[in-house]
Amino acid sequence: MKQKERSGLGYYTIGIAALFLAGFLLLVILGATSYRNTVDSQNGNQETRSVISYISTAVKSNDAKGSVSVKNGEYGIFLEILSEDSGYARRIYVKDGKLLEDFSKKTNPLNPDSAQIIGDCDRLEINEIEKDLYEVTTDKGTVVFSLRSGGGDE
């Protein structure tokens, strides 16, 4: 009896299919990695913008004569923003790698245990560039704002 000769065409077809499958899987893995890196970068940018924007918005929302001042306290330098005629103050400061906002009566001491966490931050520097023009620098970036009311520290 004569044996059939095996053709290499079947192996060739399987090899080509495996090559396309491997290429497809490699493309999916590279695409997923690229997407993850893009999302991580976007989240980092959003966190940076949110910390800086929060400070700017807090000041602008309570911009009245004598309402914004830079103080030095138990946890270092902080920004104090008084609410008009209420006796309450919003104080923004850094403690243990967090940027915190403490909203309480102006006479109360800072209380990090009840403060709201704005974001991760190790550094807070506040400089008055000129009258009513402040520069606030964190490790997330810098924001410069001007008091429209024309009245910071009195």
N, C-alpha and C. Protein backbone atom coordinates (compact mmCIF):
# COMPACT_ATOMS: atom_id res chain seq x y z
N MET A 1 0.81 -1.16 0.00
CA MET A 1 0.00 0.00 0.00
C MET A 1 0.87 1.25 0.00
N LYS A 2 0.37 2.18 -0.65
CA LYS A 2 1.11 3.42 -0.81
C LYS A 2 0.58 4.46 0.20
N GLN A 3 1.52 5.07 0.96
CA GLN A 3 1.13 6.11 1.92
C GLN A 3 0.98 7.44 1.22
N LYS A 4 0.01 8.22 1.73
CA LYS A 4 -0.19 9.54 1.17
C LYS A 4 0.95 10.45 1.62
N GLU A 5 1.36 11.24 0.71
CA GLU A 5 2.38 12.22 1.06
C GLU A 5 1.70 13.39 1.75
N ARG A 6 2.25 13.81 2.87
CA ARG A 6 1.66 14.92 3.60
C ARG A 6 2.15 16.22 3.01
N SER A 7 1.20 17.12 2.90
CA SER A 7 1.52 18.42 2.35
C SER A 7 1.80 19.38 3.51
N GLY A 8 2.73 20.30 3.34
CA GLY A 8 3.07 21.29 4.35
C GLY A 8 2.10 22.47 4.35
N LEU A 9 1.10 22.42 3.47
CA LEU A 9 0.17 23.51 3.34
C LEU A 9 -0.66 23.71 4.62
N GLY A 10 -1.03 22.67 5.31
CA GLY A 10 -1.81 22.76 6.54
C GLY A 10 -1.00 23.44 7.65
N TYR A 11 0.27 23.04 7.78
CA TYR A 11 1.13 23.67 8.77
C TYR A 11 1.37 25.15 8.44
N TYR A 12 1.50 25.43 7.18
CA TYR A 12 1.70 26.80 6.72
C TYR A 12 0.47 27.65 7.08
N THR A 13 -0.72 27.14 6.88
CA THR A 13 -1.96 27.86 7.17
C THR A 13 -2.09 28.11 8.68
N ILE A 14 -1.80 27.09 9.48
CA ILE A 14 -1.86 27.24 10.93
C ILE A 14 -0.82 28.26 11.41
N GLY A 15 0.36 28.25 10.83
CA GLY A 15 1.42 29.19 11.18
C GLY A 15 1.01 30.62 10.88
N ILE A 16 0.41 30.85 9.73
CA ILE A 16 -0.04 32.20 9.36
C ILE A 16 -1.15 32.66 10.30
N ALA A 17 -2.09 31.79 10.61
CA ALA A 17 -3.18 32.14 11.53
C ALA A 17 -2.62 32.47 12.92
N ALA A 18 -1.66 31.68 13.39
CA ALA A 18 -1.03 31.93 14.70
C ALA A 18 -0.28 33.27 14.69
N LEU A 19 0.37 33.57 13.58
CA LEU A 19 1.08 34.85 13.47
C LEU A 19 0.11 36.02 13.54
N PHE A 20 -1.02 35.96 12.85
CA PHE A 20 -2.02 37.01 12.92
C PHE A 20 -2.63 37.13 14.32
N LEU A 21 -2.87 35.99 14.97
CA LEU A 21 -3.41 36.00 16.32
C LEU A 21 -2.42 36.64 17.30
N ALA A 22 -1.15 36.29 17.20
CA ALA A 22 -0.12 36.87 18.06
C ALA A 22 -0.02 38.38 17.82
N GLY A 23 -0.07 38.80 16.57
CA GLY A 23 -0.02 40.23 16.25
C GLY A 23 -1.23 40.96 16.82
N PHE A 24 -2.40 40.36 16.71
CA PHE A 24 -3.62 40.96 17.25
C PHE A 24 -3.52 41.11 18.77
N LEU A 25 -3.08 40.06 19.47
CA LEU A 25 -2.94 40.11 20.93
C LEU A 25 -1.90 41.15 21.35
N LEU A 26 -0.81 41.25 20.62
CA LEU A 26 0.21 42.25 20.91
C LEU A 26 -0.36 43.66 20.73
N LEU A 27 -1.16 43.85 19.70
CA LEU A 27 -1.79 45.14 19.45
C LEU A 27 -2.77 45.50 20.58
N VAL A 28 -3.52 44.55 21.06
CA VAL A 28 -4.46 44.79 22.16
C VAL A 28 -3.69 45.15 23.44
N ILE A 29 -2.62 44.43 23.74
CA ILE A 29 -1.83 44.70 24.95
C ILE A 29 -1.20 46.09 24.88
N LEU A 30 -0.61 46.44 23.75
CA LEU A 30 0.00 47.76 23.59
C LEU A 30 -1.05 48.86 23.67
N GLY A 31 -2.21 48.64 23.10
CA GLY A 31 -3.29 49.63 23.15
C GLY A 31 -3.80 49.83 24.57
N ALA A 32 -3.96 48.75 25.32
CA ALA A 32 -4.43 48.85 26.70
C ALA A 32 -3.40 49.57 27.58
N THR A 33 -2.13 49.29 27.37
CA THR A 33 -1.07 49.96 28.13
C THR A 33 -1.05 51.45 27.81
N SER A 34 -1.17 51.78 26.55
CA SER A 34 -1.19 53.18 26.14
C SER A 34 -2.40 53.90 26.73
N TYR A 35 -3.54 53.27 26.72
CA TYR A 35 -4.76 53.86 27.28
C TYR A 35 -4.60 54.08 28.79
N ARG A 36 -4.06 53.09 29.50
CA ARG A 36 -3.86 53.22 30.94
C ARG A 36 -2.91 54.38 31.26
N ASN A 37 -1.83 54.52 30.51
CA ASN A 37 -0.89 55.62 30.73
C ASN A 37 -1.55 56.97 30.46
N THR A 38 -2.37 57.04 29.44
CA THR A 38 -3.08 58.28 29.12
C THR A 38 -4.05 58.66 30.23
N VAL A 39 -4.79 57.69 30.73
CA VAL A 39 -5.75 57.95 31.81
C VAL A 39 -5.03 58.36 33.09
N ASP A 40 -3.91 57.71 33.42
CA ASP A 40 -3.15 58.09 34.61
C ASP A 40 -2.65 59.52 34.50
N SER A 41 -2.17 59.89 33.34
CA SER A 41 -1.69 61.25 33.10
C SER A 41 -2.83 62.25 33.23
N GLN A 42 -3.98 61.92 32.66
CA GLN A 42 -5.14 62.81 32.73
C GLN A 42 -5.60 62.98 34.17
N ASN A 43 -5.63 61.91 34.94
CA ASN A 43 -6.04 62.00 36.35
C ASN A 43 -5.06 62.86 37.15
N GLY A 44 -3.77 62.73 36.88
CA GLY A 44 -2.77 63.57 37.55
C GLY A 44 -2.97 65.04 37.22
N ASN A 45 -3.24 65.34 35.96
CA ASN A 45 -3.48 66.72 35.55
C ASN A 45 -4.74 67.28 36.20
N GLN A 46 -5.77 66.47 36.29
CA GLN A 46 -7.02 66.93 36.92
C GLN A 46 -6.82 67.21 38.40
N GLU A 47 -6.05 66.36 39.08
CA GLU A 47 -5.79 66.58 40.50
C GLU A 47 -4.99 67.87 40.70
N THR A 48 -4.00 68.07 39.83
CA THR A 48 -3.21 69.30 39.91
C THR A 48 -4.08 70.53 39.71
N ARG A 49 -4.91 70.51 38.68
CA ARG A 49 -5.78 71.65 38.42
C ARG A 49 -6.78 71.86 39.53
N SER A 50 -7.29 70.78 40.11
CA SER A 50 -8.32 70.92 41.15
C SER A 50 -7.75 71.57 42.40
N VAL A 51 -6.53 71.21 42.79
CA VAL A 51 -5.92 71.81 43.98
C VAL A 51 -5.69 73.30 43.77
N ILE A 52 -5.11 73.65 42.64
CA ILE A 52 -4.82 75.06 42.35
C ILE A 52 -6.11 75.85 42.17
N SER A 53 -7.06 75.30 41.45
CA SER A 53 -8.33 75.99 41.22
C SER A 53 -9.12 76.17 42.51
N TYR A 54 -9.03 75.22 43.40
CA TYR A 54 -9.77 75.30 44.66
C TYR A 54 -9.33 76.52 45.46
N ILE A 55 -8.01 76.72 45.52
CA ILE A 55 -7.49 77.87 46.27
C ILE A 55 -7.98 79.17 45.64
N SER A 56 -7.86 79.26 44.34
CA SER A 56 -8.27 80.47 43.63
C SER A 56 -9.77 80.74 43.79
N THR A 57 -10.57 79.71 43.67
CA THR A 57 -12.02 79.86 43.80
C THR A 57 -12.42 80.23 45.23
N ALA A 58 -11.76 79.65 46.21
CA ALA A 58 -12.07 79.97 47.61
C ALA A 58 -11.83 81.45 47.89
N VAL A 59 -10.74 81.99 47.35
CA VAL A 59 -10.44 83.40 47.56
C VAL A 59 -11.44 84.28 46.82
N LYS A 60 -11.69 83.96 45.56
CA LYS A 60 -12.59 84.79 44.76
C LYS A 60 -14.02 84.77 45.26
N SER A 61 -14.44 83.67 45.85
CA SER A 61 -15.82 83.59 46.33
C SER A 61 -16.05 84.42 47.60
N ASN A 62 -14.98 84.76 48.31
CA ASN A 62 -15.11 85.55 49.54
C ASN A 62 -14.25 86.81 49.46
N ASP A 63 -14.16 87.39 48.29
CA ASP A 63 -13.32 88.55 48.08
C ASP A 63 -14.03 89.81 48.58
N ALA A 64 -13.72 90.17 49.82
CA ALA A 64 -14.26 91.39 50.42
C ALA A 64 -13.12 92.08 51.15
N LYS A 65 -13.28 93.34 51.39
CA LYS A 65 -12.22 94.11 52.05
C LYS A 65 -11.86 93.50 53.41
N GLY A 66 -10.59 93.16 53.57
CA GLY A 66 -10.10 92.61 54.83
C GLY A 66 -10.39 91.14 55.05
N SER A 67 -10.93 90.43 54.05
CA SER A 67 -11.33 89.04 54.27
C SER A 67 -10.21 88.04 54.03
N VAL A 68 -9.18 88.41 53.29
CA VAL A 68 -8.11 87.46 52.96
C VAL A 68 -6.84 87.88 53.69
N SER A 69 -6.24 86.93 54.39
CA SER A 69 -4.98 87.23 55.08
C SER A 69 -4.10 85.98 55.11
N VAL A 70 -2.82 86.23 55.23
CA VAL A 70 -1.83 85.16 55.35
C VAL A 70 -1.39 85.13 56.81
N LYS A 71 -1.50 83.97 57.42
CA LYS A 71 -1.16 83.83 58.84
C LYS A 71 -0.10 82.75 59.00
N ASN A 72 0.50 82.76 60.18
CA ASN A 72 1.46 81.73 60.53
C ASN A 72 0.95 81.09 61.81
N GLY A 73 0.82 79.76 61.79
CA GLY A 73 0.25 79.09 62.95
C GLY A 73 1.00 77.84 63.32
N GLU A 74 0.32 77.01 64.06
CA GLU A 74 0.89 75.78 64.58
C GLU A 74 1.41 74.84 63.48
N TYR A 75 0.75 74.85 62.33
CA TYR A 75 1.13 73.96 61.22
C TYR A 75 1.85 74.71 60.11
N GLY A 76 2.34 75.89 60.40
CA GLY A 76 3.06 76.68 59.40
C GLY A 76 2.16 77.76 58.82
N ILE A 77 2.52 78.19 57.64
CA ILE A 77 1.80 79.28 56.99
C ILE A 77 0.44 78.77 56.50
N PHE A 78 -0.58 79.64 56.60
CA PHE A 78 -1.89 79.26 56.07
C PHE A 78 -2.61 80.49 55.55
N LEU A 79 -3.56 80.23 54.68
CA LEU A 79 -4.38 81.28 54.09
C LEU A 79 -5.70 81.31 54.83
N GLU A 80 -6.04 82.48 55.37
CA GLU A 80 -7.30 82.62 56.10
C GLU A 80 -8.24 83.49 55.29
N ILE A 81 -9.43 82.97 55.05
CA ILE A 81 -10.45 83.68 54.27
C ILE A 81 -11.69 83.79 55.14
N LEU A 82 -12.01 85.02 55.52
CA LEU A 82 -13.15 85.24 56.40
C LEU A 82 -14.45 85.30 55.60
N SER A 83 -15.49 84.70 56.15
CA SER A 83 -16.83 84.84 55.57
C SER A 83 -17.42 86.13 56.10
N GLU A 84 -18.02 86.88 55.22
CA GLU A 84 -18.53 88.19 55.61
C GLU A 84 -19.54 88.10 56.75
N ASP A 85 -19.30 88.85 57.80
CA ASP A 85 -20.22 89.06 58.92
C ASP A 85 -20.71 87.78 59.61
N SER A 86 -20.06 86.66 59.40
CA SER A 86 -20.53 85.44 60.05
C SER A 86 -19.66 85.01 61.22
N GLY A 87 -18.44 85.52 61.28
CA GLY A 87 -17.53 85.11 62.34
C GLY A 87 -16.82 83.80 62.04
N TYR A 88 -17.07 83.23 60.85
CA TYR A 88 -16.42 81.99 60.46
C TYR A 88 -15.29 82.28 59.47
N ALA A 89 -14.33 81.37 59.44
CA ALA A 89 -13.18 81.52 58.55
C ALA A 89 -12.86 80.19 57.88
N ARG A 90 -12.44 80.29 56.67
CA ARG A 90 -11.93 79.15 55.90
C ARG A 90 -10.41 79.27 55.94
N ARG A 91 -9.74 78.24 56.45
CA ARG A 91 -8.29 78.28 56.55
C ARG A 91 -7.70 77.12 55.75
N ILE A 92 -6.79 77.46 54.87
CA ILE A 92 -6.17 76.46 53.98
C ILE A 92 -4.71 76.32 54.38
N TYR A 93 -4.31 75.08 54.67
CA TYR A 93 -2.94 74.81 55.13
C TYR A 93 -2.54 73.38 54.79
N VAL A 94 -1.25 73.08 55.02
CA VAL A 94 -0.72 71.75 54.72
C VAL A 94 -0.33 71.07 56.03
N LYS A 95 -0.71 69.79 56.12
CA LYS A 95 -0.29 68.96 57.26
C LYS A 95 -0.22 67.50 56.80
N ASP A 96 0.88 66.86 57.11
CA ASP A 96 1.08 65.43 56.82
C ASP A 96 0.84 65.08 55.35
N GLY A 97 1.33 65.91 54.45
CA GLY A 97 1.22 65.61 53.02
C GLY A 97 -0.15 65.84 52.42
N LYS A 98 -1.01 66.55 53.11
CA LYS A 98 -2.36 66.84 52.63
C LYS A 98 -2.61 68.34 52.70
N LEU A 99 -3.27 68.87 51.68
CA LEU A 99 -3.74 70.25 51.71
C LEU A 99 -5.12 70.21 52.33
N LEU A 100 -5.30 70.93 53.42
CA LEU A 100 -6.54 70.85 54.19
C LEU A 100 -7.27 72.19 54.19
N GLU A 101 -8.59 72.11 54.34
CA GLU A 101 -9.42 73.28 54.53
C GLU A 101 -10.18 73.10 55.83
N ASP A 102 -9.96 74.05 56.72
CA ASP A 102 -10.62 74.03 58.02
C ASP A 102 -11.62 75.18 58.02
N PHE A 103 -12.90 74.87 58.15
CA PHE A 103 -13.94 75.90 58.20
C PHE A 103 -14.56 75.87 59.57
N SER A 104 -14.29 76.93 60.35
CA SER A 104 -14.82 77.00 61.70
C SER A 104 -14.85 78.46 62.14
N LYS A 105 -15.24 78.68 63.39
CA LYS A 105 -15.24 80.05 63.90
C LYS A 105 -13.82 80.59 63.86
N LYS A 106 -13.74 81.88 63.58
CA LYS A 106 -12.44 82.52 63.44
C LYS A 106 -11.58 82.35 64.68
N THR A 107 -12.19 82.30 65.85
CA THR A 107 -11.46 82.21 67.11
C THR A 107 -11.00 80.79 67.43
N ASN A 108 -11.54 79.78 66.74
CA ASN A 108 -11.16 78.39 67.02
C ASN A 108 -9.76 78.11 66.47
N PRO A 109 -9.01 77.24 67.16
CA PRO A 109 -7.70 76.85 66.62
C PRO A 109 -7.88 75.91 65.42
N LEU A 110 -6.82 75.76 64.64
CA LEU A 110 -6.87 74.83 63.51
C LEU A 110 -7.07 73.41 64.03
N ASN A 111 -7.92 72.66 63.35
CA ASN A 111 -8.22 71.29 63.76
C ASN A 111 -8.12 70.36 62.55
N PRO A 112 -6.94 69.79 62.31
CA PRO A 112 -6.76 68.92 61.14
C PRO A 112 -7.63 67.67 61.16
N ASP A 113 -8.05 67.24 62.34
CA ASP A 113 -8.88 66.03 62.43
C ASP A 113 -10.26 66.22 61.81
N SER A 114 -10.78 67.45 61.85
CA SER A 114 -12.10 67.70 61.27
C SER A 114 -12.02 68.47 59.96
N ALA A 115 -10.81 68.72 59.48
CA ALA A 115 -10.64 69.49 58.24
C ALA A 115 -10.92 68.62 57.02
N GLN A 116 -11.34 69.28 55.97
CA GLN A 116 -11.61 68.60 54.70
C GLN A 116 -10.31 68.51 53.91
N ILE A 117 -10.04 67.36 53.33
CA ILE A 117 -8.84 67.18 52.51
C ILE A 117 -9.13 67.69 51.10
N ILE A 118 -8.33 68.64 50.67
CA ILE A 118 -8.46 69.18 49.31
C ILE A 118 -7.69 68.30 48.33
N GLY A 119 -6.49 67.87 48.72
CA GLY A 119 -5.68 67.02 47.86
C GLY A 119 -4.35 66.72 48.51
N ASP A 120 -3.56 65.90 47.82
CA ASP A 120 -2.22 65.58 48.29
C ASP A 120 -1.30 66.76 48.01
N CYS A 121 -0.54 67.15 49.01
CA CYS A 121 0.33 68.32 48.87
C CYS A 121 1.33 68.33 50.02
N ASP A 122 2.58 68.60 49.70
CA ASP A 122 3.61 68.66 50.73
C ASP A 122 4.08 70.08 51.02
N ARG A 123 3.75 71.03 50.14
CA ARG A 123 4.31 72.37 50.26
C ARG A 123 3.25 73.42 50.00
N LEU A 124 3.27 74.47 50.80
CA LEU A 124 2.38 75.60 50.60
C LEU A 124 3.18 76.86 50.90
N GLU A 125 3.35 77.69 49.89
CA GLU A 125 4.04 78.97 50.04
C GLU A 125 3.10 80.06 49.56
N ILE A 126 2.98 81.12 50.35
CA ILE A 126 2.10 82.23 49.99
C ILE A 126 2.93 83.50 50.04
N ASN A 127 2.99 84.20 48.92
CA ASN A 127 3.74 85.45 48.83
C ASN A 127 2.84 86.56 48.33
N GLU A 128 2.97 87.71 48.97
CA GLU A 128 2.26 88.89 48.46
C GLU A 128 3.24 89.59 47.51
N ILE A 129 2.94 89.52 46.21
CA ILE A 129 3.81 90.10 45.19
C ILE A 129 3.79 91.62 45.28
N GLU A 130 2.62 92.15 45.35
CA GLU A 130 2.42 93.58 45.59
C GLU A 130 1.08 93.70 46.28
N LYS A 131 0.67 94.91 46.59
CA LYS A 131 -0.58 95.08 47.34
C LYS A 131 -1.73 94.38 46.62
N ASP A 132 -2.39 93.49 47.32
CA ASP A 132 -3.56 92.76 46.83
C ASP A 132 -3.29 91.81 45.67
N LEU A 133 -2.03 91.46 45.44
CA LEU A 133 -1.67 90.47 44.41
C LEU A 133 -0.85 89.38 45.10
N TYR A 134 -1.42 88.18 45.15
CA TYR A 134 -0.81 87.07 45.87
C TYR A 134 -0.40 85.96 44.92
N GLU A 135 0.66 85.26 45.33
CA GLU A 135 1.12 84.07 44.60
C GLU A 135 1.13 82.91 45.59
N VAL A 136 0.36 81.88 45.28
CA VAL A 136 0.31 80.69 46.13
C VAL A 136 0.95 79.54 45.35
N THR A 137 1.97 78.94 45.96
CA THR A 137 2.70 77.85 45.31
C THR A 137 2.56 76.58 46.15
N THR A 138 2.17 75.51 45.48
CA THR A 138 2.14 74.19 46.10
C THR A 138 3.01 73.28 45.24
N ASP A 139 3.18 72.04 45.66
CA ASP A 139 3.94 71.13 44.81
C ASP A 139 3.13 70.71 43.58
N LYS A 140 1.88 71.13 43.50
CA LYS A 140 1.03 70.88 42.33
C LYS A 140 1.11 72.01 41.31
N GLY A 141 1.62 73.17 41.71
CA GLY A 141 1.71 74.29 40.79
C GLY A 141 1.56 75.62 41.52
N THR A 142 1.40 76.65 40.73
CA THR A 142 1.31 78.01 41.27
C THR A 142 0.06 78.69 40.75
N VAL A 143 -0.58 79.46 41.60
CA VAL A 143 -1.72 80.28 41.19
C VAL A 143 -1.47 81.70 41.69
N VAL A 144 -1.74 82.64 40.82
CA VAL A 144 -1.62 84.06 41.17
C VAL A 144 -3.02 84.64 41.12
N PHE A 145 -3.40 85.36 42.17
CA PHE A 145 -4.73 85.98 42.17
C PHE A 145 -4.63 87.39 42.73
N SER A 146 -5.55 88.20 42.29
CA SER A 146 -5.64 89.58 42.73
C SER A 146 -6.97 89.76 43.43
N LEU A 147 -6.94 90.48 44.54
CA LEU A 147 -8.18 90.76 45.26
C LEU A 147 -8.87 91.92 44.58
N ARG A 148 -10.05 91.66 44.07
CA ARG A 148 -10.81 92.70 43.37
C ARG A 148 -11.33 93.76 44.33
N SER A 149 -11.53 93.34 45.58
CA SER A 149 -12.07 94.28 46.56
C SER A 149 -11.03 95.31 46.97
N GLY A 150 -9.76 95.00 46.66
CA GLY A 150 -8.70 95.92 47.03
C GLY A 150 -8.41 95.91 48.51
N GLY A 151 -8.64 94.77 49.15
CA GLY A 151 -8.37 94.75 50.58
C GLY A 151 -7.99 93.39 51.10
N GLY A 152 -6.73 93.13 51.24
CA GLY A 152 -6.27 91.90 51.87
C GLY A 152 -6.08 92.17 53.34
N ASP A 153 -4.89 91.89 53.83
CA ASP A 153 -4.57 92.16 55.24
C ASP A 153 -4.76 93.65 55.53
N GLU A 154 -5.35 93.93 56.64
CA GLU A 154 -5.51 95.34 57.03
C GLU A 154 -4.64 95.65 58.20
